[in-house]
Amino acid sequence: MRRLRRGEWLAAGGGVALLAVLWAPWYDDADAWSAFAVLDVLLALLALLGIATAVLQATRRSPALPVAADVIASTVGLIALIAVAVRVLFPPGDGSRAWGLAAGFVSCLAVCAGSWLALRDE
């Protein structure tokens, strides 16, 4: 645990938060699993990648796998962040947003920024 830097902590915290908020209401009473077709799978993958960055950094001696996880997490995080930002700006249907949408956006931002910081520190 001493090997974890603030980037890995931020990515892992964002991943745990994103994984939890996928079941929160994003639009009216619809959670992310029922509101999205493909984006929900991308968000779940991003959450797992955010957690994996911290786990790999804590358990591996060589930097190869942690750096690869950081690169993949930052790339997937940027794609997911753009997709969620589009959903925030242009909501489907009547435009009724719930608190899960904002929490999901912040969680995506945390994973993306954390994996980028971890990659920059490496």
PDB file of N, CA and C in Angstrom:
ATOM      1  N   MET A   1       0.805  -1.191   0.000  1.00  0.00           N
ATOM      2  CA  MET A   1       0.000   0.000   0.000  1.00  0.00           C
ATOM      3  C   MET A   1       0.859   1.272   0.000  1.00  0.00           C
ATOM      4  N   ARG A   2       2.103   1.136   0.441  1.00  0.00           N
ATOM      5  CA  ARG A   2       2.986   2.306   0.448  1.00  0.00           C
ATOM      6  C   ARG A   2       3.418   2.696  -0.957  1.00  0.00           C
ATOM      7  N   ARG A   3       3.290   1.773  -1.893  1.00  0.00           N
ATOM      8  CA  ARG A   3       3.712   2.062  -3.258  1.00  0.00           C
ATOM      9  C   ARG A   3       2.692   2.888  -4.021  1.00  0.00           C
ATOM     10  N   LEU A   4       1.489   3.016  -3.496  1.00  0.00           N
ATOM     11  CA  LEU A   4       0.445   3.754  -4.196  1.00  0.00           C
ATOM     12  C   LEU A   4       0.666   5.249  -4.044  1.00  0.00           C
ATOM     13  N   ARG A   5       0.583   5.923  -5.175  1.00  0.00           N
ATOM     14  CA  ARG A   5       0.696   7.381  -5.182  1.00  0.00           C
ATOM     15  C   ARG A   5      -0.701   7.979  -5.309  1.00  0.00           C
ATOM     16  N   ARG A   6      -0.776   9.302  -5.317  1.00  0.00           N
ATOM     17  CA  ARG A   6      -2.102   9.934  -5.329  1.00  0.00           C
ATOM     18  C   ARG A   6      -2.874   9.643  -6.603  1.00  0.00           C
ATOM     19  N   GLY A   7      -2.198   9.416  -7.715  1.00  0.00           N
ATOM     20  CA  GLY A   7      -2.898   9.078  -8.953  1.00  0.00           C
ATOM     21  C   GLY A   7      -3.629   7.753  -8.853  1.00  0.00           C
ATOM     22  N   GLU A   8      -2.961   6.753  -8.302  1.00  0.00           N
ATOM     23  CA  GLU A   8      -3.611   5.456  -8.140  1.00  0.00           C
ATOM     24  C   GLU A   8      -4.759   5.525  -7.133  1.00  0.00           C
ATOM     25  N   TRP A   9      -4.562   6.292  -6.047  1.00  0.00           N
ATOM     26  CA  TRP A   9      -5.646   6.447  -5.069  1.00  0.00           C
ATOM     27  C   TRP A   9      -6.855   7.137  -5.702  1.00  0.00           C
ATOM     28  N   LEU A  10      -6.604   8.162  -6.510  1.00  0.00           N
ATOM     29  CA  LEU A  10      -7.698   8.875  -7.157  1.00  0.00           C
ATOM     30  C   LEU A  10      -8.420   7.992  -8.168  1.00  0.00           C
ATOM     31  N   ALA A  11      -7.667   7.229  -8.956  1.00  0.00           N
ATOM     32  CA  ALA A  11      -8.287   6.346  -9.945  1.00  0.00           C
ATOM     33  C   ALA A  11      -9.091   5.232  -9.270  1.00  0.00           C
ATOM     34  N   ALA A  12      -8.541   4.664  -8.202  1.00  0.00           N
ATOM     35  CA  ALA A  12      -9.256   3.586  -7.509  1.00  0.00           C
ATOM     36  C   ALA A  12     -10.504   4.116  -6.810  1.00  0.00           C
ATOM     37  N   GLY A  13     -10.400   5.272  -6.181  1.00  0.00           N
ATOM     38  CA  GLY A  13     -11.577   5.865  -5.542  1.00  0.00           C
ATOM     39  C   GLY A  13     -12.660   6.216  -6.544  1.00  0.00           C
ATOM     40  N   GLY A  14     -12.240   6.767  -7.686  1.00  0.00           N
ATOM     41  CA  GLY A  14     -13.203   7.055  -8.744  1.00  0.00           C
ATOM     42  C   GLY A  14     -13.819   5.798  -9.314  1.00  0.00           C
ATOM     43  N   GLY A  15     -13.029   4.724  -9.412  1.00  0.00           N
ATOM     44  CA  GLY A  15     -13.557   3.456  -9.916  1.00  0.00           C
ATOM     45  C   GLY A  15     -14.583   2.846  -8.985  1.00  0.00           C
ATOM     46  N   VAL A  16     -14.304   2.882  -7.695  1.00  0.00           N
ATOM     47  CA  VAL A  16     -15.264   2.352  -6.715  1.00  0.00           C
ATOM     48  C   VAL A  16     -16.537   3.194  -6.724  1.00  0.00           C
ATOM     49  N   ALA A  17     -16.384   4.508  -6.771  1.00  0.00           N
ATOM     50  CA  ALA A  17     -17.549   5.390  -6.804  1.00  0.00           C
ATOM     51  C   ALA A  17     -18.361   5.192  -8.082  1.00  0.00           C
ATOM     52  N   LEU A  18     -17.673   5.041  -9.201  1.00  0.00           N
ATOM     53  CA  LEU A  18     -18.375   4.836 -10.472  1.00  0.00           C
ATOM     54  C   LEU A  18     -19.112   3.505 -10.480  1.00  0.00           C
ATOM     55  N   LEU A  19     -18.492   2.478  -9.941  1.00  0.00           N
ATOM     56  CA  LEU A  19     -19.146   1.173  -9.875  1.00  0.00           C
ATOM     57  C   LEU A  19     -20.393   1.239  -8.999  1.00  0.00           C
ATOM     58  N   ALA A  20     -20.337   1.993  -7.922  1.00  0.00           N
ATOM     59  CA  ALA A  20     -21.499   2.122  -7.039  1.00  0.00           C
ATOM     60  C   ALA A  20     -22.599   2.979  -7.647  1.00  0.00           C
ATOM     61  N   VAL A  21     -22.216   4.026  -8.365  1.00  0.00           N
ATOM     62  CA  VAL A  21     -23.209   4.964  -8.881  1.00  0.00           C
ATOM     63  C   VAL A  21     -23.906   4.434 -10.141  1.00  0.00           C
ATOM     64  N   LEU A  22     -23.433   3.335 -10.696  1.00  0.00           N
ATOM     65  CA  LEU A  22     -24.117   2.761 -11.856  1.00  0.00           C
ATOM     66  C   LEU A  22     -25.535   2.305 -11.517  1.00  0.00           C
ATOM     67  N   TRP A  23     -25.803   2.050 -10.242  1.00  0.00           N
ATOM     68  CA  TRP A  23     -27.141   1.635  -9.822  1.00  0.00           C
ATOM     69  C   TRP A  23     -27.967   2.794  -9.280  1.00  0.00           C
ATOM     70  N   ALA A  24     -27.423   3.981  -9.277  1.00  0.00           N
ATOM     71  CA  ALA A  24     -28.153   5.176  -8.833  1.00  0.00           C
ATOM     72  C   ALA A  24     -29.002   5.704  -9.986  1.00  0.00           C
ATOM     73  N   PRO A  25     -30.019   6.499  -9.685  1.00  0.00           N
ATOM     74  CA  PRO A  25     -30.834   7.065 -10.774  1.00  0.00           C
ATOM     75  C   PRO A  25     -30.061   8.121 -11.573  1.00  0.00           C
ATOM     76  N   TRP A  26     -30.016   7.943 -12.893  1.00  0.00           N
ATOM     77  CA  TRP A  26     -29.343   8.884 -13.778  1.00  0.00           C
ATOM     78  C   TRP A  26     -30.360   9.781 -14.475  1.00  0.00           C
ATOM     79  N   TYR A  27     -31.480   9.207 -14.869  1.00  0.00           N
ATOM     80  CA  TYR A  27     -32.581   9.951 -15.496  1.00  0.00           C
ATOM     81  C   TYR A  27     -33.871   9.478 -14.839  1.00  0.00           C
ATOM     82  N   ASP A  28     -34.603  10.384 -14.221  1.00  0.00           N
ATOM     83  CA  ASP A  28     -35.826  10.052 -13.480  1.00  0.00           C
ATOM     84  C   ASP A  28     -35.592   8.842 -12.579  1.00  0.00           C
ATOM     85  N   ASP A  29     -36.174   7.708 -12.927  1.00  0.00           N
ATOM     86  CA  ASP A  29     -35.985   6.498 -12.132  1.00  0.00           C
ATOM     87  C   ASP A  29     -35.105   5.475 -12.837  1.00  0.00           C
ATOM     88  N   ALA A  30     -34.495   5.829 -13.930  1.00  0.00           N
ATOM     89  CA  ALA A  30     -33.662   4.903 -14.705  1.00  0.00           C
ATOM     90  C   ALA A  30     -32.213   4.993 -14.253  1.00  0.00           C
ATOM     91  N   ASP A  31     -31.657   3.847 -13.891  1.00  0.00           N
ATOM     92  CA  ASP A  31     -30.241   3.818 -13.547  1.00  0.00           C
ATOM     93  C   ASP A  31     -29.426   3.680 -14.837  1.00  0.00           C
ATOM     94  N   ALA A  32     -28.109   3.627 -14.694  1.00  0.00           N
ATOM     95  CA  ALA A  32     -27.244   3.582 -15.876  1.00  0.00           C
ATOM     96  C   ALA A  32     -27.445   2.291 -16.664  1.00  0.00           C
ATOM     97  N   TRP A  33     -27.745   1.205 -15.967  1.00  0.00           N
ATOM     98  CA  TRP A  33     -27.909  -0.078 -16.654  1.00  0.00           C
ATOM     99  C   TRP A  33     -29.138  -0.081 -17.558  1.00  0.00           C
ATOM    100  N   SER A  34     -30.189   0.622 -17.177  1.00  0.00           N
ATOM    101  CA  SER A  34     -31.382   0.643 -18.015  1.00  0.00           C
ATOM    102  C   SER A  34     -31.433   1.862 -18.932  1.00  0.00           C
ATOM    103  N   ALA A  35     -30.666   2.905 -18.647  1.00  0.00           N
ATOM    104  CA  ALA A  35     -30.704   4.113 -19.470  1.00  0.00           C
ATOM    105  C   ALA A  35     -29.799   4.022 -20.695  1.00  0.00           C
ATOM    106  N   PHE A  36     -28.746   3.236 -20.614  1.00  0.00           N
ATOM    107  CA  PHE A  36     -27.777   3.168 -21.706  1.00  0.00           C
ATOM    108  C   PHE A  36     -27.750   1.781 -22.326  1.00  0.00           C
ATOM    109  N   ALA A  37     -27.307   1.723 -23.587  1.00  0.00           N
ATOM    110  CA  ALA A  37     -27.183   0.444 -24.276  1.00  0.00           C
ATOM    111  C   ALA A  37     -25.740  -0.068 -24.219  1.00  0.00           C
ATOM    112  N   VAL A  38     -24.782   0.760 -24.585  1.00  0.00           N
ATOM    113  CA  VAL A  38     -23.379   0.351 -24.614  1.00  0.00           C
ATOM    114  C   VAL A  38     -22.559   1.127 -23.587  1.00  0.00           C
ATOM    115  N   LEU A  39     -22.961   2.335 -23.287  1.00  0.00           N
ATOM    116  CA  LEU A  39     -22.196   3.191 -22.388  1.00  0.00           C
ATOM    117  C   LEU A  39     -22.101   2.602 -20.985  1.00  0.00           C
ATOM    118  N   ASP A  40     -23.112   1.862 -20.550  1.00  0.00           N
ATOM    119  CA  ASP A  40     -23.052   1.268 -19.218  1.00  0.00           C
ATOM    120  C   ASP A  40     -21.939   0.231 -19.108  1.00  0.00           C
ATOM    121  N   VAL A  41     -21.713  -0.527 -20.157  1.00  0.00           N
ATOM    122  CA  VAL A  41     -20.627  -1.511 -20.163  1.00  0.00           C
ATOM    123  C   VAL A  41     -19.276  -0.800 -20.175  1.00  0.00           C
ATOM    124  N   LEU A  42     -19.176   0.281 -20.936  1.00  0.00           N
ATOM    125  CA  LEU A  42     -17.948   1.073 -20.965  1.00  0.00           C
ATOM    126  C   LEU A  42     -17.652   1.686 -19.594  1.00  0.00           C
ATOM    127  N   LEU A  43     -18.687   2.147 -18.907  1.00  0.00           N
ATOM    128  CA  LEU A  43     -18.497   2.722 -17.578  1.00  0.00           C
ATOM    129  C   LEU A  43     -18.088   1.658 -16.559  1.00  0.00           C
ATOM    130  N   ALA A  44     -18.679   0.472 -16.660  1.00  0.00           N
ATOM    131  CA  ALA A  44     -18.276  -0.617 -15.760  1.00  0.00           C
ATOM    132  C   ALA A  44     -16.826  -1.028 -16.024  1.00  0.00           C
ATOM    133  N   LEU A  45     -16.440  -1.077 -17.290  1.00  0.00           N
ATOM    134  CA  LEU A  45     -15.045  -1.388 -17.642  1.00  0.00           C
ATOM    135  C   LEU A  45     -14.102  -0.325 -17.099  1.00  0.00           C
ATOM    136  N   LEU A  46     -14.496   0.931 -17.209  1.00  0.00           N
ATOM    137  CA  LEU A  46     -13.675   2.014 -16.687  1.00  0.00           C
ATOM    138  C   LEU A  46     -13.531   1.917 -15.176  1.00  0.00           C
ATOM    139  N   ALA A  47     -14.602   1.581 -14.491  1.00  0.00           N
ATOM    140  CA  ALA A  47     -14.535   1.432 -13.035  1.00  0.00           C
ATOM    141  C   ALA A  47     -13.570   0.317 -12.645  1.00  0.00           C
ATOM    142  N   LEU A  48     -13.639  -0.797 -13.342  1.00  0.00           N
ATOM    143  CA  LEU A  48     -12.732  -1.906 -13.046  1.00  0.00           C
ATOM    144  C   LEU A  48     -11.282  -1.555 -13.393  1.00  0.00           C
ATOM    145  N   LEU A  49     -11.087  -0.808 -14.464  1.00  0.00           N
ATOM    146  CA  LEU A  49      -9.733  -0.368 -14.819  1.00  0.00           C
ATOM    147  C   LEU A  49      -9.163   0.597 -13.789  1.00  0.00           C
ATOM    148  N   GLY A  50     -10.006   1.463 -13.253  1.00  0.00           N
ATOM    149  CA  GLY A  50      -9.547   2.384 -12.218  1.00  0.00           C
ATOM    150  C   GLY A  50      -9.097   1.643 -10.968  1.00  0.00           C
ATOM    151  N   ILE A  51      -9.837   0.619 -10.599  1.00  0.00           N
ATOM    152  CA  ILE A  51      -9.449  -0.201  -9.449  1.00  0.00           C
ATOM    153  C   ILE A  51      -8.194  -1.004  -9.772  1.00  0.00           C
ATOM    154  N   ALA A  52      -8.103  -1.492 -11.006  1.00  0.00           N
ATOM    155  CA  ALA A  52      -6.954  -2.317 -11.408  1.00  0.00           C
ATOM    156  C   ALA A  52      -5.650  -1.531 -11.398  1.00  0.00           C
ATOM    157  N   THR A  53      -5.712  -0.242 -11.664  1.00  0.00           N
ATOM    158  CA  THR A  53      -4.469   0.536 -11.638  1.00  0.00           C
ATOM    159  C   THR A  53      -3.832   0.523 -10.250  1.00  0.00           C
ATOM    160  N   ALA A  54      -4.656   0.650  -9.235  1.00  0.00           N
ATOM    161  CA  ALA A  54      -4.123   0.630  -7.871  1.00  0.00           C
ATOM    162  C   ALA A  54      -3.679  -0.771  -7.468  1.00  0.00           C
ATOM    163  N   VAL A  55      -4.458  -1.775  -7.841  1.00  0.00           N
ATOM    164  CA  VAL A  55      -4.105  -3.149  -7.472  1.00  0.00           C
ATOM    165  C   VAL A  55      -2.803  -3.570  -8.140  1.00  0.00           C
ATOM    166  N   LEU A  56      -2.646  -3.262  -9.410  1.00  0.00           N
ATOM    167  CA  LEU A  56      -1.419  -3.642 -10.114  1.00  0.00           C
ATOM    168  C   LEU A  56      -0.206  -2.882  -9.582  1.00  0.00           C
ATOM    169  N   GLN A  57      -0.373  -1.616  -9.254  1.00  0.00           N
ATOM    170  CA  GLN A  57       0.751  -0.851  -8.709  1.00  0.00           C
ATOM    171  C   GLN A  57       1.162  -1.396  -7.343  1.00  0.00           C
ATOM    172  N   ALA A  58       0.191  -1.825  -6.557  1.00  0.00           N
ATOM    173  CA  ALA A  58       0.498  -2.315  -5.216  1.00  0.00           C
ATOM    174  C   ALA A  58       1.106  -3.712  -5.224  1.00  0.00           C
ATOM    175  N   THR A  59       0.801  -4.522  -6.240  1.00  0.00           N
ATOM    176  CA  THR A  59       1.225  -5.919  -6.210  1.00  0.00           C
ATOM    177  C   THR A  59       2.385  -6.249  -7.133  1.00  0.00           C
ATOM    178  N   ARG A  60       2.679  -5.440  -8.108  1.00  0.00           N
ATOM    179  CA  ARG A  60       3.725  -5.759  -9.082  1.00  0.00           C
ATOM    180  C   ARG A  60       5.006  -5.007  -8.788  1.00  0.00           C
ATOM    181  N   ARG A  61       6.129  -5.692  -8.999  1.00  0.00           N
ATOM    182  CA  ARG A  61       7.432  -5.037  -8.806  1.00  0.00           C
ATOM    183  C   ARG A  61       7.865  -4.287 -10.070  1.00  0.00           C
ATOM    184  N   SER A  62       7.607  -4.869 -11.222  1.00  0.00           N
ATOM    185  CA  SER A  62       8.010  -4.207 -12.458  1.00  0.00           C
ATOM    186  C   SER A  62       6.920  -3.220 -12.880  1.00  0.00           C
ATOM    187  N   PRO A  63       7.289  -2.157 -13.555  1.00  0.00           N
ATOM    188  CA  PRO A  63       6.303  -1.141 -13.924  1.00  0.00           C
ATOM    189  C   PRO A  63       5.523  -1.447 -15.204  1.00  0.00           C
ATOM    190  N   ALA A  64       5.776  -2.572 -15.856  1.00  0.00           N
ATOM    191  CA  ALA A  64       5.162  -2.824 -17.157  1.00  0.00           C
ATOM    192  C   ALA A  64       3.639  -2.914 -17.071  1.00  0.00           C
ATOM    193  N   LEU A  65       3.100  -3.764 -16.219  1.00  0.00           N
ATOM    194  CA  LEU A  65       1.647  -3.901 -16.122  1.00  0.00           C
ATOM    195  C   LEU A  65       0.960  -2.675 -15.531  1.00  0.00           C
ATOM    196  N   PRO A  66       1.502  -2.058 -14.476  1.00  0.00           N
ATOM    197  CA  PRO A  66       0.842  -0.837 -13.997  1.00  0.00           C
ATOM    198  C   PRO A  66       0.815   0.290 -15.027  1.00  0.00           C
ATOM    199  N   VAL A  67       1.874   0.439 -15.800  1.00  0.00           N
ATOM    200  CA  VAL A  67       1.891   1.488 -16.822  1.00  0.00           C
ATOM    201  C   VAL A  67       0.898   1.157 -17.936  1.00  0.00           C
ATOM    202  N   ALA A  68       0.819  -0.097 -18.323  1.00  0.00           N
ATOM    203  CA  ALA A  68      -0.147  -0.497 -19.351  1.00  0.00           C
ATOM    204  C   ALA A  68      -1.574  -0.258 -18.869  1.00  0.00           C
ATOM    205  N   ALA A  69      -1.849  -0.565 -17.613  1.00  0.00           N
ATOM    206  CA  ALA A  69      -3.186  -0.326 -17.062  1.00  0.00           C
ATOM    207  C   ALA A  69      -3.489   1.170 -17.010  1.00  0.00           C
ATOM    208  N   ASP A  70      -2.491   1.983 -16.694  1.00  0.00           N
ATOM    209  CA  ASP A  70      -2.695   3.434 -16.675  1.00  0.00           C
ATOM    210  C   ASP A  70      -2.993   3.987 -18.062  1.00  0.00           C
ATOM    211  N   VAL A  71      -2.287   3.489 -19.067  1.00  0.00           N
ATOM    212  CA  VAL A  71      -2.522   3.941 -20.442  1.00  0.00           C
ATOM    213  C   VAL A  71      -3.925   3.556 -20.899  1.00  0.00           C
ATOM    214  N   ILE A  72      -4.307   2.320 -20.645  1.00  0.00           N
ATOM    215  CA  ILE A  72      -5.634   1.853 -21.059  1.00  0.00           C
ATOM    216  C   ILE A  72      -6.719   2.592 -20.297  1.00  0.00           C
ATOM    217  N   ALA A  73      -6.534   2.771 -18.984  1.00  0.00           N
ATOM    218  CA  ALA A  73      -7.550   3.462 -18.173  1.00  0.00           C
ATOM    219  C   ALA A  73      -7.695   4.923 -18.576  1.00  0.00           C
ATOM    220  N   SER A  74      -6.593   5.583 -18.878  1.00  0.00           N
ATOM    221  CA  SER A  74      -6.711   6.989 -19.278  1.00  0.00           C
ATOM    222  C   SER A  74      -7.369   7.125 -20.646  1.00  0.00           C
ATOM    223  N   THR A  75      -7.105   6.200 -21.554  1.00  0.00           N
ATOM    224  CA  THR A  75      -7.733   6.245 -22.877  1.00  0.00           C
ATOM    225  C   THR A  75      -9.222   5.939 -22.792  1.00  0.00           C
ATOM    226  N   VAL A  76      -9.568   4.851 -22.116  1.00  0.00           N
ATOM    227  CA  VAL A  76     -10.984   4.502 -21.948  1.00  0.00           C
ATOM    228  C   VAL A  76     -11.693   5.573 -21.126  1.00  0.00           C
ATOM    229  N   GLY A  77     -10.989   6.136 -20.141  1.00  0.00           N
ATOM    230  CA  GLY A  77     -11.575   7.193 -19.330  1.00  0.00           C
ATOM    231  C   GLY A  77     -11.896   8.438 -20.120  1.00  0.00           C
ATOM    232  N   LEU A  78     -11.025   8.807 -21.036  1.00  0.00           N
ATOM    233  CA  LEU A  78     -11.285   9.973 -21.871  1.00  0.00           C
ATOM    234  C   LEU A  78     -12.484   9.737 -22.790  1.00  0.00           C
ATOM    235  N   ILE A  79     -12.577   8.554 -23.355  1.00  0.00           N
ATOM    236  CA  ILE A  79     -13.721   8.221 -24.212  1.00  0.00           C
ATOM    237  C   ILE A  79     -15.020   8.235 -23.405  1.00  0.00           C
ATOM    238  N   ALA A  80     -15.002   7.618 -22.219  1.00  0.00           N
ATOM    239  CA  ALA A  80     -16.197   7.579 -21.382  1.00  0.00           C
ATOM    240  C   ALA A  80     -16.563   8.968 -20.874  1.00  0.00           C
ATOM    241  N   LEU A  81     -15.562   9.773 -20.558  1.00  0.00           N
ATOM    242  CA  LEU A  81     -15.818  11.133 -20.085  1.00  0.00           C
ATOM    243  C   LEU A  81     -16.504  11.970 -21.164  1.00  0.00           C
ATOM    244  N   ILE A  82     -16.054  11.834 -22.384  1.00  0.00           N
ATOM    245  CA  ILE A  82     -16.687  12.569 -23.492  1.00  0.00           C
ATOM    246  C   ILE A  82     -18.111  12.074 -23.711  1.00  0.00           C
ATOM    247  N   ALA A  83     -18.313  10.755 -23.648  1.00  0.00           N
ATOM    248  CA  ALA A  83     -19.651  10.200 -23.850  1.00  0.00           C
ATOM    249  C   ALA A  83     -20.615  10.635 -22.748  1.00  0.00           C
ATOM    250  N   VAL A  84     -20.166  10.647 -21.508  1.00  0.00           N
ATOM    251  CA  VAL A  84     -21.032  11.084 -20.413  1.00  0.00           C
ATOM    252  C   VAL A  84     -21.275  12.589 -20.492  1.00  0.00           C
ATOM    253  N   ALA A  85     -20.279  13.361 -20.904  1.00  0.00           N
ATOM    254  CA  ALA A  85     -20.471  14.811 -21.063  1.00  0.00           C
ATOM    255  C   ALA A  85     -21.521  15.110 -22.121  1.00  0.00           C
ATOM    256  N   VAL A  86     -21.539  14.318 -23.176  1.00  0.00           N
ATOM    257  CA  VAL A  86     -22.570  14.492 -24.202  1.00  0.00           C
ATOM    258  C   VAL A  86     -23.944  14.184 -23.620  1.00  0.00           C
ATOM    259  N   ARG A  87     -24.019  13.147 -22.778  1.00  0.00           N
ATOM    260  CA  ARG A  87     -25.291  12.795 -22.143  1.00  0.00           C
ATOM    261  C   ARG A  87     -25.717  13.829 -21.106  1.00  0.00           C
ATOM    262  N   VAL A  88     -24.774  14.512 -20.498  1.00  0.00           N
ATOM    263  CA  VAL A  88     -25.119  15.587 -19.563  1.00  0.00           C
ATOM    264  C   VAL A  88     -25.662  16.784 -20.322  1.00  0.00           C
ATOM    265  N   LEU A  89     -24.999  17.147 -21.412  1.00  0.00           N
ATOM    266  CA  LEU A  89     -25.425  18.313 -22.179  1.00  0.00           C
ATOM    267  C   LEU A  89     -26.687  18.065 -22.995  1.00  0.00           C
ATOM    268  N   PHE A  90     -26.817  16.865 -23.530  1.00  0.00           N
ATOM    269  CA  PHE A  90     -27.965  16.532 -24.373  1.00  0.00           C
ATOM    270  C   PHE A  90     -28.635  15.268 -23.842  1.00  0.00           C
ATOM    271  N   PRO A  91     -29.460  15.393 -22.797  1.00  0.00           N
ATOM    272  CA  PRO A  91     -30.101  14.206 -22.231  1.00  0.00           C
ATOM    273  C   PRO A  91     -31.172  13.654 -23.166  1.00  0.00           C
ATOM    274  N   PRO A  92     -31.387  12.351 -23.133  1.00  0.00           N
ATOM    275  CA  PRO A  92     -32.416  11.764 -23.995  1.00  0.00           C
ATOM    276  C   PRO A  92     -33.814  12.083 -23.458  1.00  0.00           C
ATOM    277  N   GLY A  93     -34.760  12.099 -24.336  1.00  0.00           N
ATOM    278  CA  GLY A  93     -36.154  12.292 -23.925  1.00  0.00           C
ATOM    279  C   GLY A  93     -36.450  13.715 -23.488  1.00  0.00           C
ATOM    280  N   ASP A  94     -37.132  13.833 -22.334  1.00  0.00           N
ATOM    281  CA  ASP A  94     -37.575  15.136 -21.868  1.00  0.00           C
ATOM    282  C   ASP A  94     -36.513  15.915 -21.120  1.00  0.00           C
ATOM    283  N   GLY A  95     -35.359  15.336 -20.906  1.00  0.00           N
ATOM    284  CA  GLY A  95     -34.249  16.065 -20.307  1.00  0.00           C
ATOM    285  C   GLY A  95     -34.231  16.092 -18.800  1.00  0.00           C
ATOM    286  N   SER A  96     -34.938  15.180 -18.156  1.00  0.00           N
ATOM    287  CA  SER A  96     -34.944  15.158 -16.697  1.00  0.00           C
ATOM    288  C   SER A  96     -33.744  14.363 -16.187  1.00  0.00           C
ATOM    289  N   ARG A  97     -32.822  15.062 -15.581  1.00  0.00           N
ATOM    290  CA  ARG A  97     -31.600  14.433 -15.072  1.00  0.00           C
ATOM    291  C   ARG A  97     -31.752  14.149 -13.586  1.00  0.00           C
ATOM    292  N   ALA A  98     -31.039  13.127 -13.110  1.00  0.00           N
ATOM    293  CA  ALA A  98     -31.019  12.815 -11.682  1.00  0.00           C
ATOM    294  C   ALA A  98     -29.580  12.970 -11.178  1.00  0.00           C
ATOM    295  N   TRP A  99     -29.396  12.815  -9.887  1.00  0.00           N
ATOM    296  CA  TRP A  99     -28.091  13.064  -9.271  1.00  0.00           C
ATOM    297  C   TRP A  99     -27.031  12.064  -9.707  1.00  0.00           C
ATOM    298  N   GLY A 100     -27.418  10.876 -10.135  1.00  0.00           N
ATOM    299  CA  GLY A 100     -26.448   9.872 -10.551  1.00  0.00           C
ATOM    300  C   GLY A 100     -25.661  10.279 -11.782  1.00  0.00           C
ATOM    301  N   LEU A 101     -26.261  11.085 -12.622  1.00  0.00           N
ATOM    302  CA  LEU A 101     -25.569  11.545 -13.829  1.00  0.00           C
ATOM    303  C   LEU A 101     -24.385  12.438 -13.469  1.00  0.00           C
ATOM    304  N   ALA A 102     -24.592  13.363 -12.544  1.00  0.00           N
ATOM    305  CA  ALA A 102     -23.493  14.231 -12.106  1.00  0.00           C
ATOM    306  C   ALA A 102     -22.437  13.430 -11.354  1.00  0.00           C
ATOM    307  N   ALA A 103     -22.871  12.504 -10.514  1.00  0.00           N
ATOM    308  CA  ALA A 103     -21.919  11.674  -9.770  1.00  0.00           C
ATOM    309  C   ALA A 103     -21.138  10.768 -10.708  1.00  0.00           C
ATOM    310  N   GLY A 104     -21.777  10.258 -11.733  1.00  0.00           N
ATOM    311  CA  GLY A 104     -21.084   9.443 -12.722  1.00  0.00           C
ATOM    312  C   GLY A 104     -20.066  10.244 -13.513  1.00  0.00           C
ATOM    313  N   PHE A 105     -20.409  11.472 -13.851  1.00  0.00           N
ATOM    314  CA  PHE A 105     -19.467  12.334 -14.565  1.00  0.00           C
ATOM    315  C   PHE A 105     -18.237  12.625 -13.710  1.00  0.00           C
ATOM    316  N   VAL A 106     -18.450  12.956 -12.442  1.00  0.00           N
ATOM    317  CA  VAL A 106     -17.329  13.253 -11.541  1.00  0.00           C
ATOM    318  C   VAL A 106     -16.478  12.005 -11.318  1.00  0.00           C
ATOM    319  N   SER A 107     -17.119  10.845 -11.216  1.00  0.00           N
ATOM    320  CA  SER A 107     -16.374   9.596 -11.035  1.00  0.00           C
ATOM    321  C   SER A 107     -15.541   9.267 -12.268  1.00  0.00           C
ATOM    322  N   CYS A 108     -16.101   9.468 -13.451  1.00  0.00           N
ATOM    323  CA  CYS A 108     -15.329   9.275 -14.690  1.00  0.00           C
ATOM    324  C   CYS A 108     -14.144  10.223 -14.743  1.00  0.00           C
ATOM    325  N   LEU A 109     -14.376  11.453 -14.356  1.00  0.00           N
ATOM    326  CA  LEU A 109     -13.302  12.440 -14.330  1.00  0.00           C
ATOM    327  C   LEU A 109     -12.207  12.032 -13.349  1.00  0.00           C
ATOM    328  N   ALA A 110     -12.592  11.474 -12.207  1.00  0.00           N
ATOM    329  CA  ALA A 110     -11.609  11.052 -11.210  1.00  0.00           C
ATOM    330  C   ALA A 110     -10.765   9.895 -11.723  1.00  0.00           C
ATOM    331  N   VAL A 111     -11.384   8.919 -12.386  1.00  0.00           N
ATOM    332  CA  VAL A 111     -10.617   7.790 -12.922  1.00  0.00           C
ATOM    333  C   VAL A 111      -9.681   8.258 -14.032  1.00  0.00           C
ATOM    334  N   CYS A 112     -10.182   9.098 -14.905  1.00  0.00           N
ATOM    335  CA  CYS A 112      -9.367   9.592 -16.016  1.00  0.00           C
ATOM    336  C   CYS A 112      -8.196  10.426 -15.504  1.00  0.00           C
ATOM    337  N   ALA A 113      -8.458  11.340 -14.595  1.00  0.00           N
ATOM    338  CA  ALA A 113      -7.396  12.188 -14.053  1.00  0.00           C
ATOM    339  C   ALA A 113      -6.418  11.384 -13.204  1.00  0.00           C
ATOM    340  N   GLY A 114      -6.926  10.450 -12.425  1.00  0.00           N
ATOM    341  CA  GLY A 114      -6.052   9.644 -11.588  1.00  0.00           C
ATOM    342  C   GLY A 114      -5.128   8.751 -12.386  1.00  0.00           C
ATOM    343  N   SER A 115      -5.647   8.128 -13.420  1.00  0.00           N
ATOM    344  CA  SER A 115      -4.784   7.277 -14.247  1.00  0.00           C
ATOM    345  C   SER A 115      -3.782   8.112 -15.035  1.00  0.00           C
ATOM    346  N   TRP A 116      -4.179   9.316 -15.436  1.00  0.00           N
ATOM    347  CA  TRP A 116      -3.231  10.197 -16.126  1.00  0.00           C
ATOM    348  C   TRP A 116      -2.140  10.668 -15.170  1.00  0.00           C
ATOM    349  N   LEU A 117      -2.509  11.012 -13.937  1.00  0.00           N
ATOM    350  CA  LEU A 117      -1.498  11.407 -12.949  1.00  0.00           C
ATOM    351  C   LEU A 117      -0.552  10.259 -12.620  1.00  0.00           C
ATOM    352  N   ALA A 118      -1.099   9.064 -12.494  1.00  0.00           N
ATOM    353  CA  ALA A 118      -0.251   7.903 -12.210  1.00  0.00           C
ATOM    354  C   ALA A 118       0.691   7.636 -13.361  1.00  0.00           C
ATOM    355  N   LEU A 119       0.222   7.805 -14.575  1.00  0.00           N
ATOM    356  CA  LEU A 119       1.072   7.603 -15.740  1.00  0.00           C
ATOM    357  C   LEU A 119       2.144   8.680 -15.803  1.00  0.00           C
ATOM    358  N   ARG A 120       1.794   9.893 -15.481  1.00  0.00           N
ATOM    359  CA  ARG A 120       2.756  10.993 -15.491  1.00  0.00           C
ATOM    360  C   ARG A 120       3.826  10.814 -14.417  1.00  0.00           C
ATOM    361  N   ASP A 121       3.434  10.293 -13.250  1.00  0.00           N
ATOM    362  CA  ASP A 121       4.400  10.063 -12.169  1.00  0.00           C
ATOM    363  C   ASP A 121       5.358   8.935 -12.491  1.00  0.00           C
ATOM    364  N   GLU A 122       4.907   7.984 -13.293  1.00  0.00           N
ATOM    365  CA  GLU A 122       5.760   6.844 -13.622  1.00  0.00           C
ATOM    366  C   GLU A 122       6.864   7.276 -14.551  1.00  0.00           C
TER     367      GLU A 122
END
